[in-house]
């Protein structure tokens, strides 16, 4: 069985991380698996890039701008939605790539940002090969948005999209929906997988995917890499006080509107004003940060940029007392799973796929949606609980029981085998 995973990149966000982890998980189960990326950023030998010379790199850059600039200049409502909507109007044909032609299974992941257009995706479907498509967000069944928020237009034909400057019945979300309807019209041997039961439920309600098989398989994680580290040694390395309580927050881009950093600011202000802190509290933040002013936070802050080393990440998770994920829209965030694997409880809003990882007051805290006061309560509870060791153990055990390489790889292998047997 030859499997080719297909993703825009092999590093730089949640979907690349998840698909690279799946690559290693499948390889550990002796599956002949490779990874075809638009852009290769790692040294992994099983990853091949479509952008393999200056001309292909120039074309990829053109595709990205050709898709993005018209949206920015003529369509976007404001800057907050700049990367929340993808038209997939430009891309590169990969149907003749050796990794595509030789594969028994094509396994699509996240293909936006100018990598594959809807036309390119249709070419792959027309090859007639079995396809597994893992959904990392809602884009596959909407007119273009990656997360629909409170909008349910994807249950119909999209249109009147609130991401757009001039929404109407025939706007680009409606034309995007029509293009996807055409994309799926003759698709047969295809199976959709979501990373959470929440997204599976939402996808099954969509007009585009409700006729297809959809199942939930979570992302895998390497439990040997992401494991509890020596807390005091990690704090010494990162120059964090051994006597403080440490709150950790991180994301690929902490300014992403979905990641809810404004709720973190409010929650920490409530924590400062409404609760006693018997010991000093410090905040540690990692991720790309272009605009957020960390001085807004009412506690001492250690601000780090993007962390690419897995060892560094495990140390940061391990030195913290709690990881806070105030996302207002999310699927199954890798950071939550990583933190729990390192034995650090997570406080998050009760949304998306988060309840599938966090068990309220058992291995973390699920706060009322968009309630900064409840988020603060959860942070305080996790920081100063008398059951810290038990909660840490349960957080780690949740990962061991549900998200290991072996567990997830074998679930995907069953999907592959079912498609090949048709």
Protein backbone atom coordinates (compact mmCIF):
# COMPACT_ATOMS: atom_id res chain seq x y z
CA UNK A 1 0.00 0.00 0.00
CA UNK A 2 1.51 3.30 -1.13
CA UNK A 3 0.09 6.42 0.50
CA UNK A 4 0.87 10.02 -0.44
CA UNK A 5 -0.04 12.74 2.03
CA UNK A 6 -0.67 16.12 0.38
CA UNK A 7 -0.47 19.43 2.25
CA UNK A 8 0.48 23.00 1.42
CA UNK A 9 3.61 22.77 3.58
CA UNK A 10 5.35 20.43 6.00
CA UNK A 11 5.80 23.04 8.76
CA UNK A 12 4.36 26.35 9.89
CA UNK A 13 0.92 25.69 11.31
CA UNK A 14 -1.50 23.19 12.78
CA UNK A 15 -2.26 21.19 9.63
CA UNK A 16 1.41 20.79 8.60
CA UNK A 17 2.31 19.63 12.10
CA UNK A 18 -0.59 17.18 12.23
CA UNK A 19 0.07 15.74 8.77
CA UNK A 20 3.79 15.36 9.47
CA UNK A 21 2.96 13.50 12.66
CA UNK A 22 0.67 11.24 10.67
CA UNK A 23 3.53 10.61 8.21
CA UNK A 24 5.69 9.32 11.05
CA UNK A 25 2.83 7.41 12.63
CA UNK A 26 2.05 5.55 9.39
CA UNK A 27 5.73 4.85 8.78
CA UNK A 28 5.99 3.31 12.25
CA UNK A 29 3.27 0.84 11.16
CA UNK A 30 5.33 -0.09 8.07
CA UNK A 31 3.13 1.77 5.59
CA UNK A 32 4.95 3.01 2.48
CA UNK A 33 4.10 6.67 2.92
CA UNK A 34 5.40 9.90 1.45
CA UNK A 35 4.47 13.56 1.69
CA UNK A 36 3.96 15.94 -1.22
CA UNK A 37 4.11 19.59 -0.19
CA UNK A 38 3.79 22.84 -2.06
CA UNK A 39 6.68 24.18 -0.01
CA UNK A 40 9.17 22.07 1.91
CA UNK A 41 10.52 23.60 5.12
CA UNK A 42 11.91 20.57 6.97
CA UNK A 43 14.73 18.13 6.25
CA UNK A 44 12.42 15.10 6.32
CA UNK A 45 13.52 12.82 3.45
CA UNK A 46 10.00 11.48 2.81
CA UNK A 47 8.80 15.00 1.94
CA UNK A 48 9.03 16.18 -1.65
CA UNK A 49 8.21 19.69 -2.76
CA UNK A 50 6.40 20.90 -5.85
CA UNK A 51 8.49 24.07 -5.53
CA UNK A 52 11.80 22.49 -6.50
CA UNK A 53 13.38 25.22 -8.65
CA UNK A 54 13.32 28.99 -8.99
CA UNK A 55 10.59 28.93 -11.64
CA UNK A 56 8.22 26.77 -9.59
CA UNK A 57 8.90 28.93 -6.53
CA UNK A 58 8.10 32.05 -8.56
CA UNK A 59 4.89 30.44 -9.82
CA UNK A 60 3.89 29.49 -6.26
CA UNK A 61 4.43 33.06 -5.12
CA UNK A 62 2.38 34.34 -8.03
CA UNK A 63 -0.44 31.89 -7.20
CA UNK A 64 -0.50 33.03 -3.58
CA UNK A 65 -0.71 36.69 -4.57
CA UNK A 66 -3.14 36.06 -7.44
CA UNK A 67 -5.54 34.44 -4.99
CA UNK A 68 -4.99 36.77 -2.04
CA UNK A 69 -4.66 40.28 -3.49
CA UNK A 70 -8.06 40.50 -5.24
CA UNK A 71 -9.67 39.35 -2.01
CA UNK A 72 -7.78 41.96 0.01
CA UNK A 73 -8.46 44.86 -2.37
CA UNK A 74 -12.04 44.12 -3.39
CA UNK A 75 -13.67 41.59 -1.07
CA UNK A 76 -12.49 41.46 2.53
CA UNK A 77 -14.63 43.13 5.17
CA UNK A 78 -11.56 44.17 7.19
CA UNK A 79 -8.07 42.97 8.04
CA UNK A 80 -9.30 40.58 10.71
CA UNK A 81 -10.65 38.21 8.02
CA UNK A 82 -7.71 38.51 5.62
CA UNK A 83 -6.71 34.87 5.93
CA UNK A 84 -10.07 33.54 7.10
CA UNK A 85 -11.40 33.04 3.56
CA UNK A 86 -9.77 31.21 0.65
CA UNK A 87 -11.09 31.17 -2.91
CA UNK A 88 -8.73 28.44 -4.21
CA UNK A 89 -8.77 30.23 -7.55
CA UNK A 90 -5.07 29.67 -8.23
CA UNK A 91 -2.76 26.71 -7.79
CA UNK A 92 -0.45 24.17 -9.38
CA UNK A 93 -1.47 20.95 -11.08
CA UNK A 94 0.12 17.95 -9.32
CA UNK A 95 -1.69 15.11 -11.10
CA UNK A 96 1.51 14.18 -13.00
CA UNK A 97 3.76 14.27 -9.96
CA UNK A 98 5.43 10.86 -9.41
CA UNK A 99 4.20 10.66 -5.81
CA UNK A 100 0.66 11.14 -7.09
CA UNK A 101 0.92 8.76 -10.05
CA UNK A 102 2.53 5.97 -7.99
CA UNK A 103 0.19 6.21 -4.99
CA UNK A 104 -2.52 3.71 -4.17
CA UNK A 105 -4.12 6.24 -1.81
CA UNK A 106 -4.08 10.02 -2.07
CA UNK A 107 -4.51 11.59 1.35
CA UNK A 108 -5.39 15.29 1.15
CA UNK A 109 -4.97 17.64 4.08
CA UNK A 110 -4.86 21.47 3.95
CA UNK A 111 -4.24 22.68 0.38
CA UNK A 112 -4.90 26.45 0.41
CA UNK A 113 -2.68 29.55 0.14
CA UNK A 114 -2.17 29.08 -3.58
CA UNK A 115 -1.08 25.43 -3.50
CA UNK A 116 -4.05 23.66 -5.11
CA UNK A 117 -6.94 25.39 -6.84
CA UNK A 118 -10.38 23.79 -7.03
CA UNK A 119 -9.48 22.94 -10.64
CA UNK A 120 -6.34 21.14 -9.42
CA UNK A 121 -8.35 19.26 -6.79
CA UNK A 122 -10.83 18.19 -9.47
CA UNK A 123 -7.95 16.78 -11.54
CA UNK A 124 -6.93 14.62 -8.57
CA UNK A 125 -10.47 13.32 -8.13
CA UNK A 126 -10.71 12.53 -11.84
CA UNK A 127 -7.66 10.25 -11.58
CA UNK A 128 -10.03 7.74 -10.01
CA UNK A 129 -7.66 6.88 -7.18
CA UNK A 130 -9.08 6.35 -3.69
CA UNK A 131 -8.92 9.63 -1.77
CA UNK A 132 -8.95 10.32 1.95
CA UNK A 133 -9.44 13.97 2.81
CA UNK A 134 -8.68 15.06 6.36
CA UNK A 135 -10.48 18.26 7.30
CA UNK A 136 -8.49 20.58 9.56
CA UNK A 137 -11.17 23.27 9.39
CA UNK A 138 -14.49 23.91 7.62
CA UNK A 139 -13.20 25.14 4.25
CA UNK A 140 -13.90 21.89 2.39
CA UNK A 141 -17.66 22.34 2.79
CA UNK A 142 -18.12 26.12 2.81
CA UNK A 143 -18.10 28.75 0.09
CA UNK A 144 -14.63 29.81 1.19
CA UNK A 145 -14.42 30.51 4.92
CA UNK A 146 -12.26 28.31 7.14
CA UNK A 147 -14.50 28.70 10.19
CA UNK A 148 -18.09 29.81 9.82
CA UNK A 149 -18.66 31.02 13.38
CA UNK A 150 -22.39 31.36 13.98
CA UNK A 151 -23.21 31.28 10.25
CA UNK A 152 -25.03 28.19 8.95
CA UNK A 153 -25.15 29.13 5.27
CA UNK A 154 -23.05 26.06 4.44
CA UNK A 155 -26.15 23.96 5.09
CA UNK A 156 -27.57 25.58 1.96
CA UNK A 157 -25.68 27.16 -0.93
CA UNK A 158 -23.68 29.86 0.90
CA UNK A 159 -23.99 33.52 -0.04
CA UNK A 160 -24.46 36.69 2.02
CA UNK A 161 -21.09 35.96 3.62
CA UNK A 162 -20.29 38.14 6.61
CA UNK A 163 -16.56 37.97 5.84
CA UNK A 164 -17.14 40.06 2.72
CA UNK A 165 -17.31 43.81 2.17
CA UNK A 166 -20.49 43.63 0.10
CA UNK A 167 -22.28 40.37 0.92
CA UNK A 168 -25.11 39.29 -1.32
CA UNK A 169 -26.82 36.16 -2.59
CA UNK A 170 -24.41 35.81 -5.53
CA UNK A 171 -21.17 36.86 -3.81
CA UNK A 172 -17.91 34.88 -4.03
CA UNK A 173 -18.99 32.59 -1.20
CA UNK A 174 -21.93 31.46 -3.35
CA UNK A 175 -19.78 31.00 -6.47
CA UNK A 176 -17.25 29.17 -4.30
CA UNK A 177 -19.97 26.83 -3.10
CA UNK A 178 -21.05 26.16 -6.68
CA UNK A 179 -17.47 25.35 -7.70
CA UNK A 180 -17.22 22.84 -4.88
CA UNK A 181 -20.57 21.34 -5.78
CA UNK A 182 -19.12 20.71 -9.23
CA UNK A 183 -15.91 19.38 -7.66
CA UNK A 184 -17.77 16.70 -5.72
CA UNK A 185 -20.43 15.95 -8.35
CA UNK A 186 -18.75 12.80 -9.71
CA UNK A 187 -16.49 11.99 -6.75
CA UNK A 188 -17.03 8.37 -5.71
CA UNK A 189 -14.17 6.59 -3.95
CA UNK A 190 -13.56 9.35 -1.43
CA UNK A 191 -13.80 9.37 2.35
CA UNK A 192 -13.72 12.45 4.55
CA UNK A 193 -12.07 12.41 7.96
CA UNK A 194 -12.28 15.12 10.59
CA UNK A 195 -9.93 15.60 13.51
CA UNK A 196 -12.80 15.91 15.97
CA UNK A 197 -16.32 14.58 16.46
CA UNK A 198 -17.49 18.19 16.57
CA UNK A 199 -16.25 18.87 13.03
CA UNK A 200 -17.65 15.54 11.81
CA UNK A 201 -21.05 16.55 13.12
CA UNK A 202 -20.86 19.96 11.45
CA UNK A 203 -19.61 18.50 8.15
CA UNK A 204 -22.45 15.97 8.08
CA UNK A 205 -24.91 18.87 8.22
CA UNK A 206 -23.34 20.60 5.23
CA UNK A 207 -25.06 20.46 1.88
CA UNK A 208 -21.81 19.56 0.12
CA UNK A 209 -20.58 16.63 2.20
CA UNK A 210 -23.65 15.08 3.77
CA UNK A 211 -23.81 12.36 1.11
CA UNK A 212 -20.21 11.23 1.75
CA UNK A 213 -18.84 8.97 4.49
CA UNK A 214 -17.43 11.11 7.29
CA UNK A 215 -15.67 9.87 10.40
CA UNK A 216 -13.57 11.41 13.15
CA UNK A 217 -9.96 10.39 13.72
CA UNK A 218 -7.88 12.69 15.95
CA UNK A 219 -4.38 13.87 15.21
CA UNK A 220 -1.54 11.72 16.55
CA UNK A 221 1.27 12.83 18.83
CA UNK A 222 4.65 11.32 19.67
CA UNK A 223 4.32 10.49 23.38
CA UNK A 224 8.05 9.87 23.66
CA UNK A 225 8.89 13.38 22.47
CA UNK A 226 6.02 15.12 24.26
CA UNK A 227 6.41 13.90 27.80
CA UNK A 228 6.85 15.57 31.22
CA UNK A 229 10.27 17.15 31.70
CA UNK A 230 12.05 18.25 34.87
CA UNK A 231 10.13 21.41 35.86
CA UNK A 232 12.86 23.11 37.84
CA UNK A 233 15.57 22.38 35.28
CA UNK A 234 13.36 23.79 32.53
CA UNK A 235 12.64 26.91 34.56
CA UNK A 236 16.32 27.44 35.20
CA UNK A 237 17.08 27.13 31.47
CA UNK A 238 14.33 29.58 30.48
CA UNK A 239 15.05 31.95 33.39
CA UNK A 240 11.67 31.49 35.06
CA UNK A 241 11.38 31.79 38.84
CA UNK A 242 11.17 28.39 40.59
CA UNK A 243 8.72 29.87 43.10
CA UNK A 244 6.17 31.38 40.71
CA UNK A 245 2.98 29.98 39.25
CA UNK A 246 3.35 30.06 35.46
CA UNK A 247 0.56 30.57 32.92
CA UNK A 248 1.46 29.54 29.37
CA UNK A 249 -0.20 30.71 26.15
CA UNK A 250 0.97 29.99 22.63
CA UNK A 251 -0.15 29.73 19.00
CA UNK A 252 1.38 29.80 15.54
CA UNK A 253 0.08 33.38 15.31
CA UNK A 254 -1.11 34.77 18.62
CA UNK A 255 -2.88 37.62 16.81
CA UNK A 256 -5.18 35.23 14.95
CA UNK A 257 -8.69 36.40 15.81
CA UNK A 258 -9.77 32.79 16.47
CA UNK A 259 -7.18 32.31 19.20
CA UNK A 260 -8.99 34.74 21.48
CA UNK A 261 -6.11 36.62 23.06
CA UNK A 262 -8.46 39.45 24.04
CA UNK A 263 -10.23 36.99 26.33
CA UNK A 264 -6.88 36.03 27.82
CA UNK A 265 -6.22 39.70 28.62
CA UNK A 266 -9.62 40.06 30.28
CA UNK A 267 -9.30 36.78 32.17
CA UNK A 268 -5.90 37.68 33.58
CA UNK A 269 -7.23 41.05 34.71
CA UNK A 270 -10.05 39.23 36.52
CA UNK A 271 -7.51 36.85 38.01
CA UNK A 272 -5.46 39.78 39.30
CA UNK A 273 -8.43 41.72 40.67
CA UNK A 274 -10.77 39.00 41.94
CA UNK A 275 -8.46 36.31 43.33
CA UNK A 276 -5.68 36.25 45.83
CA UNK A 277 -2.32 34.99 44.60
CA UNK A 278 -0.43 33.47 47.52
CA UNK A 279 2.67 33.22 45.32
CA UNK A 280 3.85 35.33 42.34
CA UNK A 281 2.22 34.66 38.98
CA UNK A 282 4.09 34.96 35.68
CA UNK A 283 2.93 34.62 32.08
CA UNK A 284 4.89 32.96 29.27
CA UNK A 285 3.80 33.53 25.65
CA UNK A 286 5.18 31.93 22.49
CA UNK A 287 4.29 32.38 18.81
CA UNK A 288 4.46 34.95 16.04
CA UNK A 289 3.48 38.34 17.40
CA UNK A 290 3.32 41.40 15.16
CA UNK A 291 0.89 43.65 17.00
CA UNK A 292 -0.06 42.42 20.46
CA UNK A 293 1.31 44.58 23.30
CA UNK A 294 2.23 42.21 26.13
CA UNK A 295 2.27 45.13 28.59
CA UNK A 296 -1.54 44.85 28.60
CA UNK A 297 -1.20 41.80 30.81
CA UNK A 298 -1.31 42.46 34.57
CA UNK A 299 1.48 39.99 35.43
CA UNK A 300 5.17 39.82 34.48
CA UNK A 301 5.44 38.45 30.93
CA UNK A 302 8.12 36.42 29.19
CA UNK A 303 7.50 36.82 25.45
CA UNK A 304 9.07 34.33 23.04
CA UNK A 305 8.75 34.17 19.28
CA UNK A 306 7.91 31.09 17.23
CA UNK A 307 9.30 27.94 18.82
CA UNK A 308 10.32 25.33 16.25
CA UNK A 309 12.22 22.90 18.44
CA UNK A 310 10.06 20.12 19.87
CA UNK A 311 12.44 19.80 22.81
CA UNK A 312 12.03 23.49 23.59
CA UNK A 313 8.25 23.14 23.40
CA UNK A 314 8.19 20.21 25.80
CA UNK A 315 10.27 22.21 28.26
CA UNK A 316 7.92 25.20 28.03
CA UNK A 317 4.84 23.04 28.57
CA UNK A 318 6.53 21.21 31.43
CA UNK A 319 7.68 24.32 33.30
CA UNK A 320 4.16 25.79 33.23
CA UNK A 321 1.41 25.15 35.77
CA UNK A 322 -1.40 25.70 33.27
CA UNK A 323 -1.79 26.22 29.53
CA UNK A 324 -4.58 28.60 28.50
CA UNK A 325 -6.35 28.20 25.14
CA UNK A 326 -9.00 30.95 24.85
CA UNK A 327 -9.93 30.09 21.24
CA UNK A 328 -13.40 31.08 20.11
CA UNK A 329 -13.22 28.74 17.08
CA UNK A 330 -11.04 25.65 16.91
CA UNK A 331 -10.97 22.04 15.84
CA UNK A 332 -8.48 19.89 17.76
CA UNK A 333 -5.52 22.19 18.56
CA UNK A 334 -2.11 20.51 18.61
CA UNK A 335 -1.00 22.79 21.43
CA UNK A 336 -3.67 21.43 23.78
CA UNK A 337 -2.64 17.86 23.08
CA UNK A 338 1.04 18.75 23.47
CA UNK A 339 0.47 20.42 26.82
CA UNK A 340 -1.56 17.51 28.15
CA UNK A 341 1.06 15.02 26.95
CA UNK A 342 3.57 16.93 29.06
CA UNK A 343 1.28 16.68 32.10
CA UNK A 344 0.18 20.31 32.09
CA UNK A 345 -3.58 20.92 32.41
CA UNK A 346 -5.39 23.15 29.94
CA UNK A 347 -8.04 25.81 30.51
CA UNK A 348 -10.15 26.55 27.44
CA UNK A 349 -13.59 27.55 26.30
CA UNK A 350 -16.09 24.74 25.82
CA UNK A 351 -16.10 24.88 22.01
CA UNK A 352 -15.22 22.81 18.94
CA UNK A 353 -13.15 19.72 19.58
CA UNK A 354 -11.76 20.90 22.91
CA UNK A 355 -14.23 18.90 25.07
CA UNK A 356 -12.91 15.78 23.31
CA UNK A 357 -9.54 16.35 24.97
CA UNK A 358 -10.32 18.28 28.14
CA UNK A 359 -12.43 16.63 30.82
CA UNK A 360 -13.80 19.38 33.03
CA UNK A 361 -12.03 19.59 36.41
CA UNK A 362 -10.47 16.18 35.79
CA UNK A 363 -7.53 16.98 33.51
CA UNK A 364 -8.26 20.68 32.91
CA UNK A 365 -11.08 23.20 32.90
CA UNK A 366 -13.76 23.98 30.29
CA UNK A 367 -14.95 27.56 30.69
CA UNK A 368 -18.27 28.97 29.58
CA UNK A 369 -17.95 30.24 25.99
CA UNK A 370 -16.59 33.79 25.80
CA UNK A 371 -16.76 34.22 29.58
CA UNK A 372 -13.52 35.82 30.70
CA UNK A 373 -14.64 35.55 34.32
CA UNK A 374 -15.11 31.78 34.06
CA UNK A 375 -11.81 31.50 32.20
CA UNK A 376 -10.16 33.31 35.13
CA UNK A 377 -11.86 30.95 37.57
CA UNK A 378 -10.49 27.96 35.68
CA UNK A 379 -6.98 29.41 35.57
CA UNK A 380 -7.05 30.06 39.30
CA UNK A 381 -8.38 26.58 40.01
CA UNK A 382 -5.66 24.87 37.95
CA UNK A 383 -2.92 27.09 39.39
CA UNK A 384 -3.77 26.57 43.03
CA UNK A 385 -5.51 23.19 43.15
CA UNK A 386 -4.55 20.72 45.89
CA UNK A 387 -4.78 17.93 43.31
CA UNK A 388 -2.14 19.14 40.85
CA UNK A 389 -0.34 15.79 40.59
CA UNK A 390 -3.56 13.86 40.00
CA UNK A 391 -4.73 16.33 37.33
CA UNK A 392 -1.34 16.22 35.62
CA UNK A 393 -1.44 12.42 35.55
CA UNK A 394 -4.94 12.40 34.10
CA UNK A 395 -3.95 14.92 31.42
CA UNK A 396 -1.08 12.68 30.32
CA UNK A 397 -3.23 9.55 30.49
CA UNK A 398 -5.87 11.09 28.23
CA UNK A 399 -3.24 11.40 25.52
CA UNK A 400 -1.80 7.93 26.12
CA UNK A 401 -5.23 6.36 25.80
CA UNK A 402 -6.42 8.23 22.73
CA UNK A 403 -3.79 9.97 20.60
CA UNK A 404 -0.70 7.77 20.23
CA UNK A 405 0.96 7.10 16.87
CA UNK A 406 -0.08 3.46 16.89
CA UNK A 407 -3.68 4.18 17.81
CA UNK A 408 -4.21 6.82 15.11
CA UNK A 409 -2.20 5.10 12.36
CA UNK A 410 -4.22 1.91 12.70
CA UNK A 411 -7.49 3.83 12.41
CA UNK A 412 -6.31 5.44 9.18
CA UNK A 413 -5.06 2.11 7.82
CA UNK A 414 -8.59 0.73 8.25
CA UNK A 415 -9.92 3.66 6.20
CA UNK A 416 -7.36 3.03 3.47
CA UNK A 417 -8.14 -0.68 3.35
CA UNK A 418 -11.87 -0.04 3.13
CA UNK A 419 -11.36 2.23 0.11
CA UNK A 420 -9.01 -0.20 -1.63
CA UNK A 421 -11.43 -3.06 -1.18
CA UNK A 422 -14.22 -1.28 -3.07
